[in-house]
Amino acid sequence: MQADDRVSCLKTDLLKSCGACRVLVGVTGSVAALKLPLLVSQLLQLPGVDVRVITTEHAKHFYNPAEVSVKIYSDSDEWEVWTQRSDPVLHIELRRWADLLVIAPLDANTLGKIANGICDNLLLISLCHWQTCVVRAWDTSRPLLFCPAMNTAMWQHPITAQQVSRLKEFGYVEIPCIAKKLVCGDEGKGAMAEVSAIVSVVEQYLQKPNEPSQSTCMSDHTVDTSGTEDK
């Protein structure tokens, strides 16, 4: 595909969005990424919601893109779209497009990168611009939610709590991981929150300003999802 065609496709994709609420899903290299098709499907069932996905390269190992019914953007799109000064910059266009960003799953590697300001892929470049919004001019109508997912031993490492705390200092909202038997066979805390719980929190944050919900967000920027399980 020629560069002009890629630019045209990008503009068409983002302009044709029919939803009143635009959700950008970031997916990283945790085995919980296999739930991406289900997450996208359930988000699209919310009234007026449109969805796009940013994937890391490692996340691609865990899901079948043919099962995801929306456009998936990756690192290659960032570099192929831009060839000259007049071209759109993908991570800027996606940041402008979205009303809400939810990172599900957020693996240990990407958690560490965000906490330390590293931006070496499309998702993290987009996150840096969200971080600027949070630190310098936080707009509560455009929340950033993150859903940690990692092995129990990794979750229990002292650096993890420090990094999660750092993200919450930025104003990001944690949808906490849960305890269960993990795919690797270990049992304990570290599994991504249930998809139904994630969708429920997204729905609450997308409510119109004049229709406030009974907020489940606690003062430390952690959402209480207890009692929410996938059927």
C-alpha atoms as a PDB file:
ATOM      1  CA  MET A   1       0.000   0.000   0.000  1.00  0.00           C
ATOM      2  CA  GLN A   2       1.338   3.436  -0.934  1.00  0.00           C
ATOM      3  CA  ALA A   3       1.877   6.120   1.715  1.00  0.00           C
ATOM      4  CA  ASP A   4      -0.989   8.265   0.380  1.00  0.00           C
ATOM      5  CA  ASP A   5      -3.309   5.266   0.581  1.00  0.00           C
ATOM      6  CA  ARG A   6      -2.297   4.593   4.200  1.00  0.00           C
ATOM      7  CA  VAL A   7      -2.997   8.211   5.155  1.00  0.00           C
ATOM      8  CA  SER A   8      -6.380   8.028   3.420  1.00  0.00           C
ATOM      9  CA  CYS A   9      -7.241   4.785   5.221  1.00  0.00           C
ATOM     10  CA  LEU A  10      -6.302   6.300   8.591  1.00  0.00           C
ATOM     11  CA  LYS A  11      -8.430   9.394   8.048  1.00  0.00           C
ATOM     12  CA  THR A  12     -11.342   7.294   6.800  1.00  0.00           C
ATOM     13  CA  ASP A  13     -11.172   4.911   9.736  1.00  0.00           C
ATOM     14  CA  LEU A  14     -11.166   7.610  12.405  1.00  0.00           C
ATOM     15  CA  LEU A  15     -13.686   9.858  10.664  1.00  0.00           C
ATOM     16  CA  LYS A  16     -16.192   7.067  10.029  1.00  0.00           C
ATOM     17  CA  SER A  17     -16.463   6.411  13.753  1.00  0.00           C
ATOM     18  CA  CYS A  18     -20.170   6.247  14.513  1.00  0.00           C
ATOM     19  CA  GLY A  19     -20.051   6.107  18.298  1.00  0.00           C
ATOM     20  CA  ALA A  20     -20.777   8.987  20.622  1.00  0.00           C
ATOM     21  CA  CYS A  21     -18.145   7.598  23.014  1.00  0.00           C
ATOM     22  CA  ARG A  22     -14.777   6.519  21.668  1.00  0.00           C
ATOM     23  CA  VAL A  23     -12.766   3.915  23.567  1.00  0.00           C
ATOM     24  CA  LEU A  24      -9.139   3.195  22.758  1.00  0.00           C
ATOM     25  CA  VAL A  25      -7.978  -0.205  24.026  1.00  0.00           C
ATOM     26  CA  GLY A  26      -4.273  -0.767  24.614  1.00  0.00           C
ATOM     27  CA  VAL A  27      -3.184  -4.410  24.724  1.00  0.00           C
ATOM     28  CA  THR A  28       0.251  -5.591  25.863  1.00  0.00           C
ATOM     29  CA  GLY A  29       2.189  -8.841  26.022  1.00  0.00           C
ATOM     30  CA  SER A  30       0.470 -10.717  28.819  1.00  0.00           C
ATOM     31  CA  VAL A  31      -1.305 -14.016  28.226  1.00  0.00           C
ATOM     32  CA  ALA A  32      -4.466 -12.141  29.281  1.00  0.00           C
ATOM     33  CA  ALA A  33      -4.312 -10.517  25.827  1.00  0.00           C
ATOM     34  CA  LEU A  34      -6.148 -13.609  24.625  1.00  0.00           C
ATOM     35  CA  LYS A  35      -9.267 -11.946  26.067  1.00  0.00           C
ATOM     36  CA  LEU A  36      -9.002  -9.007  23.649  1.00  0.00           C
ATOM     37  CA  PRO A  37     -11.720 -10.282  21.254  1.00  0.00           C
ATOM     38  CA  LEU A  38     -14.133 -10.731  24.169  1.00  0.00           C
ATOM     39  CA  LEU A  39     -13.287  -7.334  25.619  1.00  0.00           C
ATOM     40  CA  VAL A  40     -13.820  -5.545  22.314  1.00  0.00           C
ATOM     41  CA  SER A  41     -17.048  -7.429  21.692  1.00  0.00           C
ATOM     42  CA  GLN A  42     -18.482  -6.492  25.097  1.00  0.00           C
ATOM     43  CA  LEU A  43     -17.390  -2.860  24.809  1.00  0.00           C
ATOM     44  CA  LEU A  44     -19.166  -2.598  21.462  1.00  0.00           C
ATOM     45  CA  GLN A  45     -22.362  -3.747  23.154  1.00  0.00           C
ATOM     46  CA  LEU A  46     -22.380  -0.563  25.250  1.00  0.00           C
ATOM     47  CA  PRO A  47     -24.770   1.992  23.722  1.00  0.00           C
ATOM     48  CA  GLY A  48     -23.036   4.524  21.491  1.00  0.00           C
ATOM     49  CA  VAL A  49     -19.529   3.155  22.001  1.00  0.00           C
ATOM     50  CA  ASP A  50     -16.931   2.831  19.248  1.00  0.00           C
ATOM     51  CA  VAL A  51     -13.614   1.067  19.773  1.00  0.00           C
ATOM     52  CA  ARG A  52     -10.105   1.031  18.301  1.00  0.00           C
ATOM     53  CA  VAL A  53      -7.139  -1.040  19.485  1.00  0.00           C
ATOM     54  CA  ILE A  54      -3.427  -0.309  19.889  1.00  0.00           C
ATOM     55  CA  THR A  55      -1.355  -3.476  20.212  1.00  0.00           C
ATOM     56  CA  THR A  56       2.248  -4.082  21.159  1.00  0.00           C
ATOM     57  CA  GLU A  57       4.144  -6.595  19.062  1.00  0.00           C
ATOM     58  CA  HIS A  58       4.348  -9.136  21.895  1.00  0.00           C
ATOM     59  CA  ALA A  59       0.604  -8.947  22.514  1.00  0.00           C
ATOM     60  CA  LYS A  60      -0.031 -10.221  18.973  1.00  0.00           C
ATOM     61  CA  HIS A  61       1.179 -13.654  20.071  1.00  0.00           C
ATOM     62  CA  PHE A  62      -1.911 -14.216  22.215  1.00  0.00           C
ATOM     63  CA  TYR A  63      -4.942 -13.306  20.079  1.00  0.00           C
ATOM     64  CA  ASN A  64      -6.269 -13.838  16.571  1.00  0.00           C
ATOM     65  CA  PRO A  65      -6.801 -10.441  14.886  1.00  0.00           C
ATOM     66  CA  ALA A  66      -9.494 -11.996  12.703  1.00  0.00           C
ATOM     67  CA  GLU A  67     -11.587 -12.331  15.873  1.00  0.00           C
ATOM     68  CA  VAL A  68     -11.337  -8.608  16.640  1.00  0.00           C
ATOM     69  CA  SER A  69     -14.024  -6.674  14.779  1.00  0.00           C
ATOM     70  CA  VAL A  70     -12.382  -3.225  14.915  1.00  0.00           C
ATOM     71  CA  LYS A  71      -9.238  -1.660  13.515  1.00  0.00           C
ATOM     72  CA  ILE A  72      -6.026  -2.695  15.284  1.00  0.00           C
ATOM     73  CA  TYR A  73      -3.078  -0.292  15.134  1.00  0.00           C
ATOM     74  CA  SER A  74       0.519  -1.346  15.752  1.00  0.00           C
ATOM     75  CA  ASP A  75       4.063   0.030  15.563  1.00  0.00           C
ATOM     76  CA  SER A  76       4.311  -0.492  11.804  1.00  0.00           C
ATOM     77  CA  ASP A  77       1.298   1.772  11.237  1.00  0.00           C
ATOM     78  CA  GLU A  78       2.993   4.605  13.135  1.00  0.00           C
ATOM     79  CA  TRP A  79       5.990   4.586  10.813  1.00  0.00           C
ATOM     80  CA  GLU A  80       4.224   3.757   7.550  1.00  0.00           C
ATOM     81  CA  VAL A  81       1.596   6.501   7.805  1.00  0.00           C
ATOM     82  CA  TRP A  82       4.056   9.363   8.228  1.00  0.00           C
ATOM     83  CA  THR A  83       6.404  10.127   5.300  1.00  0.00           C
ATOM     84  CA  GLN A  84       6.362  13.931   5.125  1.00  0.00           C
ATOM     85  CA  ARG A  85       5.551  16.963   7.258  1.00  0.00           C
ATOM     86  CA  SER A  86       1.954  17.266   6.072  1.00  0.00           C
ATOM     87  CA  ASP A  87       1.070  13.682   7.017  1.00  0.00           C
ATOM     88  CA  PRO A  88      -0.909  12.915  10.188  1.00  0.00           C
ATOM     89  CA  VAL A  89       0.993  11.559  13.192  1.00  0.00           C
ATOM     90  CA  LEU A  90      -0.796   8.387  14.227  1.00  0.00           C
ATOM     91  CA  HIS A  91      -0.309   8.553  18.001  1.00  0.00           C
ATOM     92  CA  ILE A  92      -1.537  12.159  17.993  1.00  0.00           C
ATOM     93  CA  GLU A  93      -4.594  11.293  15.883  1.00  0.00           C
ATOM     94  CA  LEU A  94      -5.516   8.370  18.143  1.00  0.00           C
ATOM     95  CA  ARG A  95      -5.095  10.496  21.261  1.00  0.00           C
ATOM     96  CA  ARG A  96      -7.372  13.155  19.752  1.00  0.00           C
ATOM     97  CA  TRP A  97      -9.905  10.542  18.694  1.00  0.00           C
ATOM     98  CA  ALA A  98     -10.329   8.794  22.031  1.00  0.00           C
ATOM     99  CA  ASP A  99     -12.558   9.789  24.935  1.00  0.00           C
ATOM    100  CA  LEU A 100     -11.126   7.058  27.147  1.00  0.00           C
ATOM    101  CA  LEU A 101      -8.052   4.826  27.104  1.00  0.00           C
ATOM    102  CA  VAL A 102      -8.090   1.441  28.819  1.00  0.00           C
ATOM    103  CA  ILE A 103      -4.959  -0.718  28.897  1.00  0.00           C
ATOM    104  CA  ALA A 104      -6.038  -4.334  29.285  1.00  0.00           C
ATOM    105  CA  PRO A 105      -3.899  -6.193  30.009  1.00  0.00           C
ATOM    106  CA  LEU A 106      -1.011  -4.079  31.284  1.00  0.00           C
ATOM    107  CA  ASP A 107       1.964  -6.428  31.564  1.00  0.00           C
ATOM    108  CA  ALA A 108       4.866  -5.999  33.985  1.00  0.00           C
ATOM    109  CA  ASN A 109       7.261  -4.796  31.277  1.00  0.00           C
ATOM    110  CA  THR A 110       4.942  -2.054  30.012  1.00  0.00           C
ATOM    111  CA  LEU A 111       4.018  -1.066  33.569  1.00  0.00           C
ATOM    112  CA  GLY A 112       7.691  -0.417  34.258  1.00  0.00           C
ATOM    113  CA  LYS A 113       8.105   1.563  31.044  1.00  0.00           C
ATOM    114  CA  ILE A 114       5.133   3.827  31.731  1.00  0.00           C
ATOM    115  CA  ALA A 115       6.232   4.439  35.316  1.00  0.00           C
ATOM    116  CA  ASN A 116       9.637   5.557  34.044  1.00  0.00           C
ATOM    117  CA  GLY A 117       8.495   7.587  31.042  1.00  0.00           C
ATOM    118  CA  ILE A 118       9.860   5.199  28.401  1.00  0.00           C
ATOM    119  CA  CYS A 119       7.987   5.370  25.090  1.00  0.00           C
ATOM    120  CA  ASP A 120       9.427   2.967  22.528  1.00  0.00           C
ATOM    121  CA  ASN A 121       6.272   1.761  20.773  1.00  0.00           C
ATOM    122  CA  LEU A 122       2.977   3.161  19.471  1.00  0.00           C
ATOM    123  CA  LEU A 123       1.043   2.440  22.669  1.00  0.00           C
ATOM    124  CA  LEU A 124       3.629   4.080  24.902  1.00  0.00           C
ATOM    125  CA  ILE A 125       4.027   7.094  22.628  1.00  0.00           C
ATOM    126  CA  SER A 126       0.263   7.594  22.883  1.00  0.00           C
ATOM    127  CA  LEU A 127       0.485   7.151  26.630  1.00  0.00           C
ATOM    128  CA  CYS A 128       3.081   9.890  26.927  1.00  0.00           C
ATOM    129  CA  HIS A 129       0.600  12.356  25.457  1.00  0.00           C
ATOM    130  CA  TRP A 130      -2.103  11.129  27.829  1.00  0.00           C
ATOM    131  CA  GLN A 131       0.348  11.544  30.672  1.00  0.00           C
ATOM    132  CA  THR A 132       0.917  15.152  29.650  1.00  0.00           C
ATOM    133  CA  CYS A 133      -2.864  15.711  29.822  1.00  0.00           C
ATOM    134  CA  VAL A 134      -2.958  14.140  33.275  1.00  0.00           C
ATOM    135  CA  VAL A 135       0.024  15.937  34.820  1.00  0.00           C
ATOM    136  CA  ARG A 136      -0.440  19.402  33.300  1.00  0.00           C
ATOM    137  CA  ALA A 137      -4.156  19.682  32.531  1.00  0.00           C
ATOM    138  CA  TRP A 138      -6.073  16.628  33.746  1.00  0.00           C
ATOM    139  CA  ASP A 139      -9.437  16.295  32.040  1.00  0.00           C
ATOM    140  CA  THR A 140     -11.686  13.971  34.008  1.00  0.00           C
ATOM    141  CA  SER A 141     -13.851  13.426  30.949  1.00  0.00           C
ATOM    142  CA  ARG A 142     -10.930  11.560  29.369  1.00  0.00           C
ATOM    143  CA  PRO A 143      -9.810   8.958  31.895  1.00  0.00           C
ATOM    144  CA  LEU A 144      -7.033   6.424  31.535  1.00  0.00           C
ATOM    145  CA  LEU A 145      -7.725   3.038  33.100  1.00  0.00           C
ATOM    146  CA  PHE A 146      -5.138   0.285  33.479  1.00  0.00           C
ATOM    147  CA  CYS A 147      -5.563  -3.414  34.239  1.00  0.00           C
ATOM    148  CA  PRO A 148      -2.378  -5.069  35.531  1.00  0.00           C
ATOM    149  CA  ALA A 149      -1.772  -8.718  34.611  1.00  0.00           C
ATOM    150  CA  MET A 150       1.307 -10.766  35.465  1.00  0.00           C
ATOM    151  CA  ASN A 151       2.577 -13.833  37.311  1.00  0.00           C
ATOM    152  CA  THR A 152       1.966 -13.832  41.069  1.00  0.00           C
ATOM    153  CA  ALA A 153       5.701 -13.685  41.868  1.00  0.00           C
ATOM    154  CA  MET A 154       6.058 -10.658  39.582  1.00  0.00           C
ATOM    155  CA  TRP A 155       3.032  -8.993  41.188  1.00  0.00           C
ATOM    156  CA  GLN A 156       4.476  -9.533  44.659  1.00  0.00           C
ATOM    157  CA  HIS A 157       7.866  -8.028  43.773  1.00  0.00           C
ATOM    158  CA  PRO A 158       8.324  -4.733  45.678  1.00  0.00           C
ATOM    159  CA  ILE A 159       8.965  -2.740  42.484  1.00  0.00           C
ATOM    160  CA  THR A 160       5.469  -3.538  41.210  1.00  0.00           C
ATOM    161  CA  ALA A 161       3.689  -1.704  44.030  1.00  0.00           C
ATOM    162  CA  GLN A 162       5.967   1.287  43.504  1.00  0.00           C
ATOM    163  CA  GLN A 163       5.223   1.388  39.782  1.00  0.00           C
ATOM    164  CA  VAL A 164       1.459   1.010  40.232  1.00  0.00           C
ATOM    165  CA  SER A 165       1.563   3.822  42.794  1.00  0.00           C
ATOM    166  CA  ARG A 166       3.456   5.995  40.320  1.00  0.00           C
ATOM    167  CA  LEU A 167       0.777   5.537  37.669  1.00  0.00           C
ATOM    168  CA  LYS A 168      -1.918   6.471  40.174  1.00  0.00           C
ATOM    169  CA  GLU A 169       0.075   9.582  41.044  1.00  0.00           C
ATOM    170  CA  PHE A 170      -0.238  10.545  37.366  1.00  0.00           C
ATOM    171  CA  GLY A 171      -4.023  10.342  37.794  1.00  0.00           C
ATOM    172  CA  TYR A 172      -4.467   6.998  36.045  1.00  0.00           C
ATOM    173  CA  VAL A 173      -7.075   4.634  37.511  1.00  0.00           C
ATOM    174  CA  GLU A 174      -6.231   1.063  38.446  1.00  0.00           C
ATOM    175  CA  ILE A 175      -8.673  -1.764  37.793  1.00  0.00           C
ATOM    176  CA  PRO A 176      -6.929  -4.195  40.132  1.00  0.00           C
ATOM    177  CA  CYS A 177      -5.836  -7.697  39.237  1.00  0.00           C
ATOM    178  CA  ILE A 178      -7.463 -10.681  40.921  1.00  0.00           C
ATOM    179  CA  ALA A 179      -6.416 -13.958  42.536  1.00  0.00           C
ATOM    180  CA  LYS A 180      -7.031 -17.191  40.631  1.00  0.00           C
ATOM    181  CA  LYS A 181      -5.206 -20.126  39.065  1.00  0.00           C
ATOM    182  CA  LEU A 182      -3.054 -18.639  36.310  1.00  0.00           C
ATOM    183  CA  VAL A 183      -2.432 -20.109  32.870  1.00  0.00           C
ATOM    184  CA  CYS A 184       1.113 -21.038  33.946  1.00  0.00           C
ATOM    185  CA  GLY A 185      -0.324 -23.190  36.742  1.00  0.00           C
ATOM    186  CA  ASP A 186       0.580 -20.894  39.641  1.00  0.00           C
ATOM    187  CA  GLU A 187      -2.217 -19.809  41.925  1.00  0.00           C
ATOM    188  CA  GLY A 188      -2.487 -16.354  43.464  1.00  0.00           C
ATOM    189  CA  LYS A 189      -2.975 -12.682  42.670  1.00  0.00           C
ATOM    190  CA  GLY A 190      -1.919 -11.309  39.297  1.00  0.00           C
ATOM    191  CA  ALA A 191      -4.661 -12.261  36.849  1.00  0.00           C
ATOM    192  CA  MET A 192      -6.300  -9.454  34.884  1.00  0.00           C
ATOM    193  CA  ALA A 193      -9.669  -8.304  36.193  1.00  0.00           C
ATOM    194  CA  GLU A 194     -12.634 -10.073  34.637  1.00  0.00           C
ATOM    195  CA  VAL A 195     -13.738  -8.645  31.302  1.00  0.00           C
ATOM    196  CA  SER A 196     -17.201  -7.916  32.663  1.00  0.00           C
ATOM    197  CA  ALA A 197     -15.654  -5.872  35.486  1.00  0.00           C
ATOM    198  CA  ILE A 198     -13.504  -3.878  33.057  1.00  0.00           C
ATOM    199  CA  VAL A 199     -16.478  -3.134  30.814  1.00  0.00           C
ATOM    200  CA  SER A 200     -18.551  -2.070  33.830  1.00  0.00           C
ATOM    201  CA  VAL A 201     -15.893   0.436  34.914  1.00  0.00           C
ATOM    202  CA  VAL A 202     -15.522   1.790  31.371  1.00  0.00           C
ATOM    203  CA  GLU A 203     -19.277   2.274  31.185  1.00  0.00           C
ATOM    204  CA  GLN A 204     -19.270   4.255  34.421  1.00  0.00           C
ATOM    205  CA  TYR A 205     -16.500   6.562  33.220  1.00  0.00           C
ATOM    206  CA  LEU A 206     -18.235   7.179  29.899  1.00  0.00           C
ATOM    207  CA  GLN A 207     -21.408   8.479  31.491  1.00  0.00           C
ATOM    208  CA  LYS A 208     -22.300  12.039  30.586  1.00  0.00           C
ATOM    209  CA  PRO A 209     -21.225  14.747  33.039  1.00  0.00           C
ATOM    210  CA  ASN A 210     -24.840  15.575  33.812  1.00  0.00           C
ATOM    211  CA  GLU A 211     -25.588  11.930  34.613  1.00  0.00           C
ATOM    212  CA  PRO A 212     -23.177  11.132  37.458  1.00  0.00           C
ATOM    213  CA  SER A 213     -22.890   7.529  38.563  1.00  0.00           C
ATOM    214  CA  GLN A 214     -22.481   6.117  42.013  1.00  0.00           C
ATOM    215  CA  SER A 215     -18.710   6.237  41.642  1.00  0.00           C
ATOM    216  CA  THR A 216     -16.730   3.102  42.508  1.00  0.00           C
ATOM    217  CA  CYS A 217     -13.438   4.984  42.271  1.00  0.00           C
ATOM    218  CA  MET A 218     -11.716   5.297  45.613  1.00  0.00           C
ATOM    219  CA  SER A 219      -9.482   8.164  46.654  1.00  0.00           C
ATOM    220  CA  ASP A 220      -6.283   6.304  45.749  1.00  0.00           C
ATOM    221  CA  HIS A 221      -7.322   5.902  42.099  1.00  0.00           C
ATOM    222  CA  THR A 222      -8.169   2.207  42.466  1.00  0.00           C
ATOM    223  CA  VAL A 223     -11.549   0.905  41.355  1.00  0.00           C
ATOM    224  CA  ASP A 224     -13.385  -1.591  43.537  1.00  0.00           C
ATOM    225  CA  THR A 225     -14.521  -4.459  41.295  1.00  0.00           C
ATOM    226  CA  SER A 226     -15.246  -6.968  44.039  1.00  0.00           C
ATOM    227  CA  GLY A 227     -18.253  -9.119  43.379  1.00  0.00           C
ATOM    228  CA  THR A 228     -17.959  -8.830  39.601  1.00  0.00           C
ATOM    229  CA  GLU A 229     -17.304 -12.105  37.805  1.00  0.00           C
ATOM    230  CA  ASP A 230     -17.563 -13.276  34.227  1.00  0.00           C
ATOM    231  CA  LYS A 231     -20.261 -15.847  33.665  1.00  0.00           C
END
